[in-house]
């Protein structure tokens, strides 16, 4: 036992030497707490039964693994002197009374048994039955084969609830609205943020706090925000995964966050389009454009960069045409009046530094 609450040895320790005879181990109050009937193998001989009641979750370990089930009512450790190749029928009981710390109002259908096997808590290999007599709840496991002492946990099944009851995104100054509105049984959402929103956090709230939750693979606490999540220009998918207490049931919620660009440019009529918050999309398009091509630009392209010791919004080293007036979704016709385009150095340097002939059309340049 490890940190297992109140540990009691059931009386008496008994020498189990006769097969098919029930040996009763009692805590001295009410019904027999454990009944062992050896059915095969050499005599078990001196056998002690220990119980641990008043349990909280993860208070006992099986090997290196902690018991993950918060609803366990009682732990049984059965230690026969001879535990090599012997089989026995076991009946294990606890009191589910109104004033008892083991109470849980469990009916037999919701009573489960786990055994410690090679460092893992799992269901026994053999089928078991559950029963009740008044406030007593019991499990009968036939034909259990001992190989060392037997360690069992008796209680309620672990929760299978892997739902969220809320999921909220937050930027530095905004709370993006999810579409559709959050609901536990809806698993895919979308939202859009402004171009100047660079990061968001995700705050998931669990329906059942015995579950565990991760945002983009990083564990978080229910009701607390994740770390900052970087938003690329375009779509960023945020994945929130919940695993129920049973360790098997999972739910995955995804939010696709769209961050629109301020600036876009294409060197090939939209076959390849670059997008950015600043003016870097224009430079990217110019860098891959062949000589004599037209770099089409849309939006508000701001900022400078330094190349070769010179600072400017756009560096051009071959013959190009730079034309604005386009939209992010249509590169066929330039409409500079309804779709104004700006190259703005923001007082940081030149707008264009060119070492080859350049034609500029349908855009505003300012520094």
Protein backbone atom coordinates (compact mmCIF):
# COMPACT_ATOMS: atom_id res chain seq x y z
CA UNK A 1 0.00 0.00 0.00
CA UNK A 2 1.18 3.51 -0.71
CA UNK A 3 -0.44 6.43 1.08
CA UNK A 4 -3.66 4.44 1.13
CA UNK A 5 -5.67 5.98 3.93
CA UNK A 6 -6.70 3.78 6.88
CA UNK A 7 -5.25 0.27 6.54
CA UNK A 8 -6.73 -2.58 8.57
CA UNK A 9 -5.85 -6.24 8.83
CA UNK A 10 -8.92 -8.42 8.83
CA UNK A 11 -9.21 -10.99 11.60
CA UNK A 12 -8.22 -13.65 11.82
CA UNK A 13 -5.18 -14.63 9.75
CA UNK A 14 -6.07 -18.15 8.68
CA UNK A 15 -4.33 -21.27 7.49
CA UNK A 16 -6.11 -22.19 4.28
CA UNK A 17 -5.44 -25.88 3.85
CA UNK A 18 -8.76 -27.43 2.84
CA UNK A 19 -10.05 -26.93 -0.68
CA UNK A 20 -13.66 -25.95 -1.40
CA UNK A 21 -14.10 -24.67 2.14
CA UNK A 22 -14.93 -20.98 2.63
CA UNK A 23 -12.56 -19.12 4.96
CA UNK A 24 -14.08 -15.94 6.36
CA UNK A 25 -12.10 -12.78 7.10
CA UNK A 26 -14.00 -10.10 9.00
CA UNK A 27 -13.59 -6.52 10.15
CA UNK A 28 -15.81 -7.42 13.10
CA UNK A 29 -18.72 -5.29 11.95
CA UNK A 30 -21.61 -6.77 10.00
CA UNK A 31 -21.17 -9.09 7.05
CA UNK A 32 -17.99 -10.99 6.23
CA UNK A 33 -15.54 -8.65 4.52
CA UNK A 34 -13.65 -11.28 2.52
CA UNK A 35 -14.38 -14.94 1.86
CA UNK A 36 -11.68 -17.11 0.26
CA UNK A 37 -12.44 -20.60 -1.02
CA UNK A 38 -9.39 -22.34 -2.46
CA UNK A 39 -10.26 -24.44 -5.51
CA UNK A 40 -6.91 -25.69 -6.81
CA UNK A 41 -3.19 -26.05 -6.19
CA UNK A 42 -1.26 -26.71 -3.00
CA UNK A 43 -2.57 -25.27 0.27
CA UNK A 44 -2.38 -21.47 0.49
CA UNK A 45 -1.44 -21.84 4.17
CA UNK A 46 -1.21 -18.73 6.38
CA UNK A 47 -3.23 -16.05 4.61
CA UNK A 48 -3.74 -12.45 5.66
CA UNK A 49 -6.22 -9.97 4.19
CA UNK A 50 -5.59 -6.25 4.46
CA UNK A 51 -8.12 -3.57 3.54
CA UNK A 52 -7.79 0.14 2.98
CA UNK A 53 -10.86 2.32 3.30
CA UNK A 54 -11.46 6.10 3.37
CA UNK A 55 -9.79 6.47 0.00
CA UNK A 56 -9.25 9.56 -2.10
CA UNK A 57 -8.23 9.34 -5.74
CA UNK A 58 -4.73 8.16 -6.69
CA UNK A 59 -3.89 7.04 -3.17
CA UNK A 60 -2.53 3.63 -4.01
CA UNK A 61 -0.06 2.42 -6.60
CA UNK A 62 0.16 -0.72 -8.68
CA UNK A 63 3.83 -0.94 -9.57
CA UNK A 64 4.67 2.60 -10.64
CA UNK A 65 1.12 3.41 -11.75
CA UNK A 66 -1.23 5.24 -9.44
CA UNK A 67 -4.82 4.10 -9.24
CA UNK A 68 -6.64 6.61 -11.48
CA UNK A 69 -10.17 6.05 -10.30
CA UNK A 70 -11.56 8.56 -7.82
CA UNK A 71 -14.61 6.46 -6.95
CA UNK A 72 -12.78 3.48 -5.41
CA UNK A 73 -14.43 2.40 -2.14
CA UNK A 74 -12.00 -0.18 -0.81
CA UNK A 75 -8.67 -1.80 -1.59
CA UNK A 76 -7.99 -5.46 -0.71
CA UNK A 77 -4.54 -7.03 -0.42
CA UNK A 78 -4.60 -10.83 -0.02
CA UNK A 79 -1.28 -12.37 1.03
CA UNK A 80 -1.13 -16.17 1.18
CA UNK A 81 2.05 -17.82 2.44
CA UNK A 82 1.91 -20.05 -0.62
CA UNK A 83 0.91 -18.05 -3.68
CA UNK A 84 2.35 -20.20 -6.45
CA UNK A 85 -0.17 -21.65 -8.85
CA UNK A 86 -3.08 -21.71 -6.42
CA UNK A 87 -6.61 -20.78 -7.44
CA UNK A 88 -9.45 -19.57 -5.28
CA UNK A 89 -12.92 -18.09 -5.40
CA UNK A 90 -13.03 -14.65 -3.78
CA UNK A 91 -15.95 -12.66 -2.39
CA UNK A 92 -15.02 -9.11 -1.38
CA UNK A 93 -17.47 -6.84 0.46
CA UNK A 94 -17.74 -3.26 1.68
CA UNK A 95 -20.42 -1.29 3.53
CA UNK A 96 -22.12 1.44 1.50
CA UNK A 97 -24.02 2.92 4.42
CA UNK A 98 -25.25 6.49 4.65
CA UNK A 99 -22.78 7.46 7.39
CA UNK A 100 -19.84 5.43 6.13
CA UNK A 101 -16.87 7.04 4.40
CA UNK A 102 -17.03 4.31 1.76
CA UNK A 103 -20.56 5.22 0.76
CA UNK A 104 -21.27 5.98 -2.86
CA UNK A 105 -24.85 4.82 -3.32
CA UNK A 106 -23.61 2.25 -5.82
CA UNK A 107 -26.04 -0.37 -7.00
CA UNK A 108 -24.54 -3.73 -7.99
CA UNK A 109 -24.78 -2.91 -11.70
CA UNK A 110 -22.36 -0.02 -11.16
CA UNK A 111 -19.88 -1.91 -9.00
CA UNK A 112 -16.61 -2.89 -10.64
CA UNK A 113 -13.47 -4.75 -9.66
CA UNK A 114 -9.91 -4.00 -10.72
CA UNK A 115 -6.82 -6.01 -10.04
CA UNK A 116 -3.18 -5.05 -10.04
CA UNK A 117 -1.44 -7.03 -12.78
CA UNK A 118 2.18 -6.42 -13.79
CA UNK A 119 2.07 -2.80 -12.71
CA UNK A 120 -1.26 -2.01 -14.41
CA UNK A 121 -4.76 -1.66 -12.99
CA UNK A 122 -7.13 -3.72 -15.15
CA UNK A 123 -10.23 -5.87 -15.02
CA UNK A 124 -9.67 -9.46 -13.88
CA UNK A 125 -9.24 -12.12 -16.55
CA UNK A 126 -12.20 -14.10 -15.22
CA UNK A 127 -15.77 -12.85 -15.23
CA UNK A 128 -17.08 -11.68 -11.85
CA UNK A 129 -20.52 -11.07 -10.41
CA UNK A 130 -21.79 -8.30 -8.17
CA UNK A 131 -24.36 -8.40 -5.43
CA UNK A 132 -25.91 -6.54 -2.53
CA UNK A 133 -27.42 -7.34 0.85
CA UNK A 134 -28.90 -4.23 2.40
CA UNK A 135 -26.14 -1.62 2.44
CA UNK A 136 -23.43 -4.19 1.73
CA UNK A 137 -21.98 -4.37 -1.77
CA UNK A 138 -19.95 -7.36 -2.91
CA UNK A 139 -18.04 -8.79 -5.83
CA UNK A 140 -17.48 -12.52 -6.37
CA UNK A 141 -14.53 -13.52 -8.53
CA UNK A 142 -14.28 -17.28 -9.25
CA UNK A 143 -11.11 -19.13 -10.16
CA UNK A 144 -8.60 -16.38 -9.44
CA UNK A 145 -5.02 -17.64 -9.86
CA UNK A 146 -2.50 -16.26 -7.39
CA UNK A 147 1.09 -15.58 -8.37
CA UNK A 148 2.24 -13.58 -5.38
CA UNK A 149 -0.12 -11.49 -3.29
CA UNK A 150 -3.37 -10.31 -4.86
CA UNK A 151 -4.25 -6.60 -4.92
CA UNK A 152 -7.80 -5.57 -5.80
CA UNK A 153 -9.76 -2.32 -5.98
CA UNK A 154 -13.52 -2.29 -5.51
CA UNK A 155 -15.70 0.66 -6.45
CA UNK A 156 -17.47 2.59 -9.15
CA UNK A 157 -16.52 2.58 -12.82
CA UNK A 158 -14.38 5.51 -13.92
CA UNK A 159 -16.14 8.38 -15.63
CA UNK A 160 -16.47 8.32 -19.40
CA UNK A 161 -17.32 12.02 -19.58
CA UNK A 162 -14.91 13.72 -21.99
CA UNK A 163 -17.09 16.74 -22.75
CA UNK A 164 -16.26 20.41 -22.48
CA UNK A 165 -18.90 22.80 -21.20
CA UNK A 166 -17.12 25.85 -22.59
CA UNK A 167 -14.27 26.82 -24.88
CA UNK A 168 -13.17 30.45 -25.14
CA UNK A 169 -10.45 32.09 -27.23
CA UNK A 170 -8.85 35.35 -26.12
CA UNK A 171 -6.51 37.75 -27.88
CA UNK A 172 -4.70 40.61 -26.20
CA UNK A 173 -7.67 42.94 -26.63
CA UNK A 174 -10.36 40.79 -28.27
CA UNK A 175 -12.45 37.70 -27.57
CA UNK A 176 -13.11 36.05 -30.94
CA UNK A 177 -16.64 34.71 -31.34
CA UNK A 178 -16.93 31.04 -32.26
CA UNK A 179 -19.22 29.93 -35.07
CA UNK A 180 -21.41 28.11 -34.27
CA UNK A 181 -21.84 29.08 -30.62
CA UNK A 182 -20.14 26.56 -28.36
CA UNK A 183 -22.06 23.41 -27.46
CA UNK A 184 -20.57 20.25 -25.87
CA UNK A 185 -21.72 17.99 -28.72
CA UNK A 186 -20.37 20.25 -31.48
CA UNK A 187 -16.72 19.60 -32.26
CA UNK A 188 -15.74 21.95 -35.11
CA UNK A 189 -15.75 25.76 -34.99
CA UNK A 190 -14.48 28.71 -36.96
CA UNK A 191 -13.65 32.30 -36.08
CA UNK A 192 -11.95 35.29 -37.69
CA UNK A 193 -9.62 37.80 -36.07
CA UNK A 194 -8.16 41.06 -37.33
CA UNK A 195 -4.81 41.10 -39.11
CA UNK A 196 -3.15 42.70 -36.08
CA UNK A 197 -4.07 39.82 -33.75
CA UNK A 198 -0.87 37.79 -33.59
CA UNK A 199 -1.67 35.31 -30.79
CA UNK A 200 -4.63 33.91 -28.88
CA UNK A 201 -5.09 31.68 -25.86
CA UNK A 202 -7.66 28.90 -25.48
CA UNK A 203 -9.52 28.31 -22.21
CA UNK A 204 -11.34 24.96 -22.07
CA UNK A 205 -13.70 24.13 -19.19
CA UNK A 206 -14.34 20.47 -18.42
CA UNK A 207 -17.76 19.03 -17.73
CA UNK A 208 -16.10 16.49 -15.40
CA UNK A 209 -12.94 17.61 -13.62
CA UNK A 210 -11.68 14.01 -13.39
CA UNK A 211 -10.95 14.26 -17.12
CA UNK A 212 -7.75 15.70 -18.60
CA UNK A 213 -7.46 18.32 -21.33
CA UNK A 214 -4.74 19.38 -23.78
CA UNK A 215 -4.56 22.34 -26.15
CA UNK A 216 -2.38 21.66 -29.20
CA UNK A 217 -0.81 18.77 -27.29
CA UNK A 218 0.05 20.77 -24.16
CA UNK A 219 -1.81 19.96 -20.90
CA UNK A 220 -3.87 22.78 -19.41
CA UNK A 221 -6.01 23.20 -16.31
CA UNK A 222 -9.76 23.31 -16.74
CA UNK A 223 -10.95 26.91 -16.69
CA UNK A 224 -7.44 28.32 -17.21
CA UNK A 225 -5.96 29.70 -20.44
CA UNK A 226 -3.39 27.88 -22.50
CA UNK A 227 -0.12 29.47 -23.43
CA UNK A 228 -0.10 31.92 -26.37
CA UNK A 229 -0.84 30.29 -29.72
CA UNK A 230 0.75 31.99 -32.73
CA UNK A 231 -1.62 32.85 -35.57
CA UNK A 232 -0.31 32.65 -39.11
CA UNK A 233 -1.75 34.71 -41.92
CA UNK A 234 -4.57 32.55 -43.21
CA UNK A 235 -5.91 29.59 -41.22
CA UNK A 236 -4.57 28.29 -37.91
CA UNK A 237 -6.17 25.18 -36.41
CA UNK A 238 -6.36 24.96 -32.61
CA UNK A 239 -7.05 21.46 -31.31
CA UNK A 240 -8.41 20.79 -27.82
CA UNK A 241 -8.40 17.14 -26.78
CA UNK A 242 -10.17 15.76 -23.71
CA UNK A 243 -9.55 12.31 -22.20
CA UNK A 244 -12.07 11.00 -19.70
CA UNK A 245 -11.13 9.49 -16.35
CA UNK A 246 -11.35 6.00 -17.86
CA UNK A 247 -8.33 6.82 -20.01
CA UNK A 248 -10.11 5.59 -23.14
CA UNK A 249 -12.94 7.98 -23.98
CA UNK A 250 -11.78 11.07 -25.86
CA UNK A 251 -13.29 14.14 -27.49
CA UNK A 252 -11.49 16.49 -29.87
CA UNK A 253 -12.66 20.04 -30.44
CA UNK A 254 -11.12 22.08 -33.27
CA UNK A 255 -11.26 25.79 -33.93
CA UNK A 256 -10.07 27.13 -37.27
CA UNK A 257 -8.91 30.72 -36.75
CA UNK A 258 -8.66 32.86 -39.86
CA UNK A 259 -6.33 35.84 -39.71
CA UNK A 260 -6.66 37.86 -42.92
CA UNK A 261 -3.65 39.57 -44.46
CA UNK A 262 -3.21 43.32 -44.80
CA UNK A 263 -1.20 42.83 -47.97
CA UNK A 264 -1.06 40.31 -50.81
CA UNK A 265 0.98 40.07 -54.01
CA UNK A 266 1.32 37.68 -56.93
CA UNK A 267 4.00 37.38 -59.64
CA UNK A 268 1.88 35.13 -61.89
CA UNK A 269 -1.74 36.36 -61.98
CA UNK A 270 -2.70 34.57 -58.78
CA UNK A 271 -1.24 31.12 -59.46
CA UNK A 272 1.11 31.91 -56.58
CA UNK A 273 -0.04 34.45 -54.01
CA UNK A 274 1.93 35.74 -51.03
CA UNK A 275 0.19 37.18 -47.97
CA UNK A 276 1.52 39.18 -45.03
CA UNK A 277 0.59 41.51 -42.21
CA UNK A 278 3.29 43.96 -43.39
CA UNK A 279 4.73 44.60 -46.88
CA UNK A 280 6.86 41.46 -47.02
CA UNK A 281 4.41 39.76 -49.41
CA UNK A 282 5.34 42.27 -52.14
CA UNK A 283 9.04 41.58 -51.70
CA UNK A 284 8.43 37.82 -51.78
CA UNK A 285 6.53 38.13 -55.06
CA UNK A 286 9.19 40.39 -56.59
CA UNK A 287 11.96 37.99 -55.59
CA UNK A 288 10.46 35.10 -57.58
CA UNK A 289 9.05 37.07 -60.53
CA UNK A 290 10.85 36.63 -63.86
CA UNK A 291 12.28 39.70 -65.59
CA UNK A 292 9.59 41.68 -67.37
CA UNK A 293 6.75 40.27 -65.24
CA UNK A 294 4.00 42.22 -63.52
CA UNK A 295 3.78 41.94 -59.74
CA UNK A 296 0.16 42.55 -58.82
CA UNK A 297 -0.49 43.99 -55.36
CA UNK A 298 -3.60 44.23 -53.16
CA UNK A 299 -4.20 45.87 -49.81
CA UNK A 300 -2.28 48.09 -47.43
CA UNK A 301 1.39 47.08 -47.54
CA UNK A 302 3.37 48.77 -44.78
CA UNK A 303 6.86 48.57 -43.37
CA UNK A 304 10.48 48.37 -44.51
CA UNK A 305 13.35 45.92 -44.62
CA UNK A 306 17.09 46.29 -45.04
CA UNK A 307 18.97 44.70 -47.92
CA UNK A 308 22.55 45.44 -48.91
CA UNK A 309 22.72 48.26 -46.43
CA UNK A 310 19.65 50.01 -47.91
CA UNK A 311 16.30 50.30 -46.12
CA UNK A 312 13.08 50.33 -48.13
CA UNK A 313 9.66 48.72 -48.54
CA UNK A 314 10.55 47.00 -51.82
CA UNK A 315 13.89 46.16 -53.46
CA UNK A 316 13.88 45.50 -57.23
CA UNK A 317 16.92 44.29 -59.16
CA UNK A 318 15.36 43.47 -62.56
CA UNK A 319 12.85 45.01 -64.93
CA UNK A 320 9.36 44.72 -63.40
CA UNK A 321 5.94 46.30 -63.36
CA UNK A 322 4.36 46.79 -59.93
CA UNK A 323 0.62 47.33 -60.22
CA UNK A 324 -2.03 47.83 -57.54
CA UNK A 325 -5.80 48.02 -57.51
CA UNK A 326 -6.50 44.32 -57.05
CA UNK A 327 -8.45 42.46 -54.39
CA UNK A 328 -7.35 39.46 -52.37
CA UNK A 329 -9.74 37.25 -54.34
CA UNK A 330 -9.54 38.67 -57.87
CA UNK A 331 -6.30 39.23 -59.79
CA UNK A 332 -7.88 39.70 -63.22
CA UNK A 333 -8.77 43.41 -63.33
CA UNK A 334 -7.32 46.41 -61.47
CA UNK A 335 -9.83 48.77 -59.84
CA UNK A 336 -7.65 51.38 -58.07
CA UNK A 337 -10.58 53.62 -57.07
CA UNK A 338 -12.64 50.97 -55.30
CA UNK A 339 -9.65 48.80 -54.36
CA UNK A 340 -6.89 51.23 -53.36
CA UNK A 341 -3.41 49.83 -52.86
CA UNK A 342 -0.68 51.42 -50.75
CA UNK A 343 3.06 50.89 -50.36
CA UNK A 344 3.98 52.73 -47.16
CA UNK A 345 7.48 52.93 -45.70
CA UNK A 346 6.02 54.48 -42.52
CA UNK A 347 8.87 57.03 -42.33
CA UNK A 348 11.35 54.18 -42.10
CA UNK A 349 13.13 54.56 -45.45
CA UNK A 350 12.50 54.55 -49.20
CA UNK A 351 9.39 52.98 -50.67
CA UNK A 352 11.18 51.39 -53.66
CA UNK A 353 14.91 50.91 -54.21
CA UNK A 354 15.49 49.75 -57.79
CA UNK A 355 18.63 48.93 -59.76
CA UNK A 356 16.66 48.19 -62.96
CA UNK A 357 13.78 49.90 -64.81
CA UNK A 358 10.49 49.74 -62.91
CA UNK A 359 6.96 50.66 -63.92
CA UNK A 360 4.57 51.52 -61.08
CA UNK A 361 0.82 51.73 -61.70
CA UNK A 362 -2.44 52.11 -59.80
CA UNK A 363 -1.03 52.38 -56.31
CA UNK A 364 -0.09 55.00 -53.74
CA UNK A 365 3.48 55.22 -52.46
CA UNK A 366 4.31 57.11 -49.29
CA UNK A 367 7.19 57.19 -46.89
